[in-house]
Structure formats: structure tokens, C-alpha cells
């Protein structure tokens, strides 16, 4: 190859690099920035920041917690749905739990480590999705003064799941149980009394740490909880991103009485503010109505501030 041809090829490559750099590295970003300055997009491009008295208190696009330093809910505020992003609504750790409907058996903590003073999580405990939902429902029920029971949950707030051990038929179902264990209720619990006394005539036992109960048929027990729990689903489950700033009108309605009492106003006054901060379905038919929790709490502080 002649040197002149080699030079021409490299000059062409340099020209292409410069042109593409101008287009994709300068012109395109500037065009996007200019469009974002438009009246309909500027607020979102800036993060949809909400300010109170000139101070940023959050974003309408990212949920946040309304709790005290110990993690306890502020009674005067509406609470957001749970979050699996970091310690809760961490934009740098956006994620879901990756647990599905088949996650119904907990991984127990080592009782010796717990007795030694170690936190249950550090001692190996991992809650199943079912137990997580059950415990959240119980906590919300206690906070709001309603029945927090749900199908397939024990009164103690864990998954009502049995390991049924015994001979099986051709389909793999246990036909004559010999041992039945409540797998999510360890014998180290106090009191160590299973949620169910007997299953098909066999006494239900509590779970012993280190035993393998996967050899049995795993059977969830529905129980006598209502088919439509008082605590809505979005109060006990996180969104896929972990950052959802909205709750359902049903969850907002559940919290209305508590917030009204904490602020010393009527439930009708709180409901009026909830209605003002409720968005309908997209295009009139997409999705479900939602309530933006941050905007709702800010509006409450502005209209009905807590005295003292």
C-alpha cells in the first residue's frame, strides 16, 4: 500500500470520528437538553423536586419513608408501600426482592447464635416472601387498628406452611402422614406452639433447627382469614423498582382515620386532601388510580399542620 493511500484512509477515519463526535457527543445531547427545557418536560427533567419553604423535601417520582430515627411510622403521615431498594427507596440500589409465589418456607436462624445475642438475620434467618407479607400485614393491621390477618398466614405473622411426611401415592402426594411439622415456627420460639394442633389426625410439631423438612410434602394452610383482607396488597408488597411513590386509594383510605386523629381533624377533611392528590387511570383506562404519598403529606402539612 502506498503511503499516500494509507494517509487518505486515516484522514477519512479522523474526519468520520470528528463528525460523529459533533453529532452524537454535542448536537444530540444539546437537542435533548433543549427539549427537556420545554414547559411540559422541564419539571420531570429536573427530577420533579418538591420544595417546602425553599427546601427540597423529595421527588414526586421516587418514594420515601415517613418514619422516625428508630424506623417507627410517623402517625401523622400517610405511609408508603414497602421497598426492597437498599434500606428503602434507595435510588442507587433500585431492585425487587426476586422472590416469587413459591417462596413460602423460611430459612431458620441458628438458635445458638441468637441465644448468644446475635441478630436473627446475622444468625442465618431469611424470611420467605409469604412470611414477609404475613408480618407486614400484621404490623399494618396493628398500626391502623384493623384485622391484619391474611390467608396462609399464622396468627403470629409467619407463613402457615406444613411439611407432611409419610408414604406417597403415584402422584407424589402423602397418603398416610406419619409426621407433620410447621416449618416456619421453630421450636426455639416462645411459645413453641404450632398454629395448627393436628393435620389429618397427626399432631403438628414445631420445626427443629438443622432438620431437613424438604423430604415432606410442603402444604400451605389457608386458615380462616377473610378472602379480602383488610390490609391491601400494596401495603405488604414492594414494587418491582422499589421506588414507587404511589399507593392505592384503598391503602390511603385505610390510613385516613389514624392520620386524622394524629392531626386533630376529621376523616372527611383528610379524605378531601386524599381526593385532591389522587390520579386516575392513564388515558382513562390504563392502570389503576394512585395516590402520590409525598404530595399528599406535604398538602396535609400545609392545610392542617400539627401543633406542638
Protein backbone atom coordinates (compact mmCIF):
# COMPACT_ATOMS: atom_id res chain seq x y z
CA UNK A 1 0.00 0.00 0.00
CA UNK A 2 1.32 3.40 -0.91
CA UNK A 3 1.90 5.90 1.91
CA UNK A 4 -0.48 8.39 0.27
CA UNK A 5 -3.31 5.81 0.32
CA UNK A 6 -2.58 4.98 3.95
CA UNK A 7 -2.73 8.67 4.86
CA UNK A 8 -6.00 9.21 2.96
CA UNK A 9 -7.66 6.30 4.79
CA UNK A 10 -6.60 7.60 8.17
CA UNK A 11 -7.66 11.11 7.36
CA UNK A 12 -11.09 9.77 6.36
CA UNK A 13 -11.32 7.90 9.67
CA UNK A 14 -10.38 11.03 11.61
CA UNK A 15 -12.98 13.08 9.71
CA UNK A 16 -15.64 10.45 10.46
CA UNK A 17 -14.63 10.47 14.13
CA UNK A 18 -14.91 14.25 14.32
CA UNK A 19 -18.28 14.33 12.54
CA UNK A 20 -19.78 11.60 14.73
CA UNK A 21 -18.36 13.25 17.85
CA UNK A 22 -20.06 16.52 16.94
CA UNK A 23 -23.36 14.78 16.15
CA UNK A 24 -23.58 12.24 19.00
CA UNK A 25 -21.43 13.98 21.60
CA UNK A 26 -22.52 17.58 21.20
CA UNK A 27 -25.52 18.14 18.92
CA UNK A 28 -27.66 15.26 20.21
CA UNK A 29 -27.14 15.99 23.95
CA UNK A 30 -27.85 19.68 23.34
CA UNK A 31 -31.03 18.81 21.43
CA UNK A 32 -32.23 16.56 24.25
CA UNK A 33 -31.39 19.25 26.80
CA UNK A 34 -33.28 21.86 24.77
CA UNK A 35 -36.37 19.65 24.52
CA UNK A 36 -36.20 18.99 28.27
CA UNK A 37 -36.42 22.74 28.88
CA UNK A 38 -39.91 22.72 27.37
CA UNK A 39 -42.79 23.63 29.70
CA UNK A 40 -44.25 20.11 29.74
CA UNK A 41 -40.96 18.32 30.44
CA UNK A 42 -38.86 20.77 32.45
CA UNK A 43 -40.15 19.67 35.87
CA UNK A 44 -39.55 15.99 35.16
CA UNK A 45 -36.13 16.67 33.66
CA UNK A 46 -35.16 18.45 36.87
CA UNK A 47 -36.25 15.44 38.95
CA UNK A 48 -39.75 16.63 39.88
CA UNK A 49 -38.37 18.01 43.14
CA UNK A 50 -40.90 19.12 45.77
CA UNK A 51 -39.86 22.13 47.85
CA UNK A 52 -41.33 23.40 51.09
CA UNK A 53 -40.27 26.87 52.23
CA UNK A 54 -37.44 26.76 49.71
CA UNK A 55 -36.09 23.44 50.93
CA UNK A 56 -36.24 20.24 48.89
CA UNK A 57 -38.19 17.51 50.70
CA UNK A 58 -38.27 14.85 48.00
CA UNK A 59 -39.29 13.94 44.48
CA UNK A 60 -42.73 13.07 43.19
CA UNK A 61 -41.10 10.33 41.09
CA UNK A 62 -39.31 8.50 43.93
CA UNK A 63 -40.98 7.19 47.06
CA UNK A 64 -39.60 7.71 50.54
CA UNK A 65 -40.11 6.58 54.10
CA UNK A 66 -42.05 8.60 56.67
CA UNK A 67 -40.56 7.16 59.82
CA UNK A 68 -38.63 8.34 62.87
CA UNK A 69 -34.99 7.61 63.69
CA UNK A 70 -35.95 4.18 65.04
CA UNK A 71 -37.88 3.24 61.91
CA UNK A 72 -41.30 3.67 63.50
CA UNK A 73 -44.04 5.21 61.30
CA UNK A 74 -44.99 8.82 61.99
CA UNK A 75 -48.70 8.57 62.81
CA UNK A 76 -49.47 11.99 61.32
CA UNK A 77 -48.22 10.94 57.88
CA UNK A 78 -49.51 8.52 55.29
CA UNK A 79 -47.10 5.62 54.88
CA UNK A 80 -45.63 4.48 51.58
CA UNK A 81 -45.68 0.90 50.33
CA UNK A 82 -42.71 -1.30 51.31
CA UNK A 83 -39.45 -1.04 49.38
CA UNK A 84 -36.72 -3.60 48.67
CA UNK A 85 -34.30 -0.97 47.35
CA UNK A 86 -31.43 -0.83 49.82
CA UNK A 87 -32.70 0.26 53.23
CA UNK A 88 -35.81 1.56 51.50
CA UNK A 89 -36.27 3.74 48.42
CA UNK A 90 -32.54 3.99 47.73
CA UNK A 91 -32.23 5.14 44.06
CA UNK A 92 -28.71 3.70 43.89
CA UNK A 93 -29.98 0.23 44.86
CA UNK A 94 -33.24 0.03 42.95
CA UNK A 95 -34.37 -3.59 42.89
CA UNK A 96 -37.03 -6.10 43.81
CA UNK A 97 -36.61 -8.98 46.23
CA UNK A 98 -36.64 -11.52 43.35
CA UNK A 99 -38.86 -13.75 45.50
CA UNK A 100 -41.87 -15.37 43.83
CA UNK A 101 -45.07 -17.18 44.83
CA UNK A 102 -43.16 -20.38 45.58
CA UNK A 103 -41.13 -18.66 48.31
CA UNK A 104 -43.10 -19.94 51.30
CA UNK A 105 -40.50 -21.65 53.53
CA UNK A 106 -38.20 -19.59 55.74
CA UNK A 107 -34.52 -20.28 56.32
CA UNK A 108 -34.28 -20.54 60.13
CA UNK A 109 -31.75 -18.78 62.33
CA UNK A 110 -29.25 -20.77 64.35
CA UNK A 111 -30.76 -20.71 67.87
CA UNK A 112 -27.32 -20.96 69.48
CA UNK A 113 -26.20 -17.75 67.74
CA UNK A 114 -29.46 -15.98 68.62
CA UNK A 115 -29.07 -17.03 72.26
CA UNK A 116 -25.55 -15.63 72.17
CA UNK A 117 -27.02 -12.23 71.32
CA UNK A 118 -26.64 -12.22 67.54
CA UNK A 119 -29.32 -10.65 65.37
CA UNK A 120 -31.56 -13.25 63.71
CA UNK A 121 -30.56 -12.07 60.22
CA UNK A 122 -26.88 -12.41 61.09
CA UNK A 123 -27.67 -15.81 62.60
CA UNK A 124 -28.86 -17.06 59.21
CA UNK A 125 -32.56 -16.23 59.19
CA UNK A 126 -34.09 -15.40 55.81
CA UNK A 127 -37.81 -14.80 55.57
CA UNK A 128 -39.76 -16.22 52.66
CA UNK A 129 -41.97 -13.93 50.61
CA UNK A 130 -45.01 -15.42 52.34
CA UNK A 131 -43.69 -14.71 55.84
CA UNK A 132 -42.61 -11.22 54.77
CA UNK A 133 -46.15 -10.49 53.56
CA UNK A 134 -47.69 -12.01 56.70
CA UNK A 135 -45.52 -10.00 59.09
CA UNK A 136 -46.07 -6.77 57.17
CA UNK A 137 -49.83 -7.32 57.17
CA UNK A 138 -49.82 -7.90 60.90
CA UNK A 139 -47.77 -4.74 61.52
CA UNK A 140 -50.02 -2.60 59.30
CA UNK A 141 -53.10 -4.04 60.99
CA UNK A 142 -51.74 -3.09 64.41
CA UNK A 143 -50.83 0.42 63.24
CA UNK A 144 -54.22 1.07 61.64
CA UNK A 145 -56.33 -0.75 64.21
CA UNK A 146 -57.75 -3.35 61.81
CA UNK A 147 -57.56 -7.09 61.36
CA UNK A 148 -54.16 -7.82 59.79
CA UNK A 149 -54.83 -11.50 59.13
CA UNK A 150 -54.38 -12.94 55.64
CA UNK A 151 -54.92 -16.35 54.04
CA UNK A 152 -51.98 -18.73 54.51
CA UNK A 153 -50.64 -16.72 57.48
CA UNK A 154 -50.40 -17.82 61.10
CA UNK A 155 -51.72 -15.60 63.92
CA UNK A 156 -48.05 -14.99 64.77
CA UNK A 157 -47.41 -13.40 61.38
CA UNK A 158 -45.46 -16.09 59.53
CA UNK A 159 -46.33 -18.35 56.63
CA UNK A 160 -48.75 -21.13 57.62
CA UNK A 161 -46.86 -23.97 55.95
CA UNK A 162 -46.59 -27.65 56.89
CA UNK A 163 -44.16 -30.35 55.89
CA UNK A 164 -46.22 -33.54 55.71
CA UNK A 165 -44.03 -36.65 55.88
CA UNK A 166 -45.21 -40.16 55.09
CA UNK A 167 -45.85 -42.71 52.33
CA UNK A 168 -46.83 -41.23 48.97
CA UNK A 169 -49.03 -42.31 46.10
CA UNK A 170 -48.06 -42.46 42.42
CA UNK A 171 -48.61 -38.70 42.08
CA UNK A 172 -46.29 -37.90 44.96
CA UNK A 173 -48.98 -36.93 47.44
CA UNK A 174 -48.68 -38.14 51.02
CA UNK A 175 -51.49 -40.60 51.70
CA UNK A 176 -50.79 -41.57 55.32
CA UNK A 177 -48.98 -38.80 57.23
CA UNK A 178 -46.64 -40.00 59.96
CA UNK A 179 -45.05 -36.67 60.87
CA UNK A 180 -46.31 -33.13 60.34
CA UNK A 181 -44.14 -30.07 61.03
CA UNK A 182 -44.94 -26.36 60.95
CA UNK A 183 -41.75 -25.40 59.11
CA UNK A 184 -41.88 -21.65 59.77
CA UNK A 185 -42.44 -21.98 63.52
CA UNK A 186 -39.17 -23.06 65.17
CA UNK A 187 -39.14 -24.89 68.49
CA UNK A 188 -36.91 -22.12 69.86
CA UNK A 189 -39.80 -19.67 69.55
CA UNK A 190 -41.70 -18.60 72.66
CA UNK A 191 -44.19 -20.12 72.97
CA UNK A 192 -43.27 -23.06 70.73
CA UNK A 193 -46.88 -23.87 69.90
CA UNK A 194 -47.70 -24.56 66.24
CA UNK A 195 -50.59 -22.63 64.71
CA UNK A 196 -52.40 -25.91 63.97
CA UNK A 197 -52.85 -28.67 66.54
CA UNK A 198 -53.33 -31.56 64.15
CA UNK A 199 -53.36 -32.33 60.43
CA UNK A 200 -55.30 -35.37 59.22
CA UNK A 201 -55.21 -36.80 62.71
CA UNK A 202 -51.46 -36.30 63.22
CA UNK A 203 -50.18 -33.85 65.82
CA UNK A 204 -48.36 -30.86 64.31
CA UNK A 205 -44.84 -30.32 65.63
CA UNK A 206 -42.65 -27.23 65.69
CA UNK A 207 -39.55 -27.13 63.49
CA UNK A 208 -36.20 -28.28 64.89
CA UNK A 209 -33.16 -26.39 63.63
CA UNK A 210 -30.96 -28.48 61.34
CA UNK A 211 -33.66 -30.95 60.33
CA UNK A 212 -34.41 -31.39 56.61
CA UNK A 213 -38.16 -30.97 56.13
CA UNK A 214 -37.89 -30.78 52.35
CA UNK A 215 -38.34 -34.56 52.36
CA UNK A 216 -42.00 -33.98 53.19
CA UNK A 217 -44.79 -32.60 51.05
CA UNK A 218 -44.91 -28.84 51.57
CA UNK A 219 -48.53 -27.87 52.24
CA UNK A 220 -49.66 -24.24 52.77
CA UNK A 221 -52.72 -23.91 55.02
CA UNK A 222 -55.24 -21.26 54.08
CA UNK A 223 -56.78 -20.82 57.53
CA UNK A 224 -59.94 -18.85 58.31
CA UNK A 225 -58.75 -15.37 57.33
CA UNK A 226 -61.13 -13.39 55.09
CA UNK A 227 -60.74 -13.77 51.33
CA UNK A 228 -60.45 -9.98 51.04
CA UNK A 229 -58.03 -8.87 53.79
CA UNK A 230 -58.49 -5.51 55.45
CA UNK A 231 -54.87 -4.66 54.60
CA UNK A 232 -54.49 -4.05 50.81
CA UNK A 233 -51.87 -5.85 48.74
CA UNK A 234 -49.76 -2.73 48.08
CA UNK A 235 -49.35 -2.27 51.84
CA UNK A 236 -47.47 -5.56 52.11
CA UNK A 237 -45.66 -5.91 48.77
CA UNK A 238 -42.89 -3.82 47.21
CA UNK A 239 -42.89 -2.54 43.64
CA UNK A 240 -40.54 -4.01 41.06
CA UNK A 241 -38.23 -0.99 41.21
CA UNK A 242 -38.56 -0.45 44.94
CA UNK A 243 -39.07 3.27 44.21
CA UNK A 244 -42.82 3.55 43.55
CA UNK A 245 -44.03 6.85 45.08
CA UNK A 246 -47.70 5.87 44.93
CA UNK A 247 -50.16 3.85 46.97
CA UNK A 248 -53.65 2.68 46.08
CA UNK A 249 -56.74 4.64 47.16
CA UNK A 250 -57.65 1.59 49.27
CA UNK A 251 -54.42 1.83 51.26
CA UNK A 252 -54.86 5.59 51.62
CA UNK A 253 -58.40 5.07 52.91
CA UNK A 254 -57.11 2.55 55.46
CA UNK A 255 -54.74 5.18 56.89
CA UNK A 256 -57.21 8.06 56.93
CA UNK A 257 -58.54 7.54 60.47
CA UNK A 258 -55.06 7.35 62.01
CA UNK A 259 -53.83 10.48 60.24
CA UNK A 260 -57.00 12.40 61.14
CA UNK A 261 -56.65 11.50 64.83
CA UNK A 262 -52.95 12.42 64.90
CA UNK A 263 -53.68 15.83 63.35
CA UNK A 264 -56.82 16.52 65.34
CA UNK A 265 -59.07 16.88 62.29
CA UNK A 266 -61.96 14.92 60.81
CA UNK A 267 -61.68 11.98 58.47
CA UNK A 268 -63.71 13.90 55.90
CA UNK A 269 -61.08 16.65 55.89
CA UNK A 270 -58.32 14.09 55.32
CA UNK A 271 -60.31 12.33 52.60
CA UNK A 272 -60.75 15.63 50.76
CA UNK A 273 -56.95 16.08 50.65
CA UNK A 274 -56.54 12.46 49.53
CA UNK A 275 -59.01 13.05 46.69
CA UNK A 276 -57.08 16.15 45.58
CA UNK A 277 -53.89 14.06 45.32
CA UNK A 278 -55.40 11.04 43.59
CA UNK A 279 -54.61 10.45 39.91
CA UNK A 280 -56.95 8.47 37.68
CA UNK A 281 -56.12 5.78 35.14
CA UNK A 282 -53.76 6.76 32.33
CA UNK A 283 -55.75 7.78 29.25
CA UNK A 284 -58.81 6.80 31.23
CA UNK A 285 -58.26 3.05 31.02
CA UNK A 286 -54.59 2.19 31.69
CA UNK A 287 -53.55 1.02 35.14
CA UNK A 288 -55.31 1.88 38.37
CA UNK A 289 -55.92 5.13 40.29
CA UNK A 290 -52.98 6.10 42.52
CA UNK A 291 -52.17 8.47 45.36
CA UNK A 292 -48.79 10.23 45.50
CA UNK A 293 -47.73 9.89 49.15
CA UNK A 294 -45.22 12.77 49.24
CA UNK A 295 -47.59 15.26 47.65
CA UNK A 296 -50.37 14.11 49.96
CA UNK A 297 -48.28 14.54 53.12
CA UNK A 298 -46.99 17.94 52.01
CA UNK A 299 -50.56 19.08 51.32
CA UNK A 300 -51.64 17.90 54.78
CA UNK A 301 -48.80 19.82 56.43
CA UNK A 302 -49.79 22.94 54.54
CA UNK A 303 -53.51 22.73 55.24
CA UNK A 304 -53.58 21.04 58.65
CA UNK A 305 -50.18 21.44 60.34
CA UNK A 306 -49.61 19.58 63.59
CA UNK A 307 -49.45 21.96 66.54
CA UNK A 308 -46.96 21.49 69.32
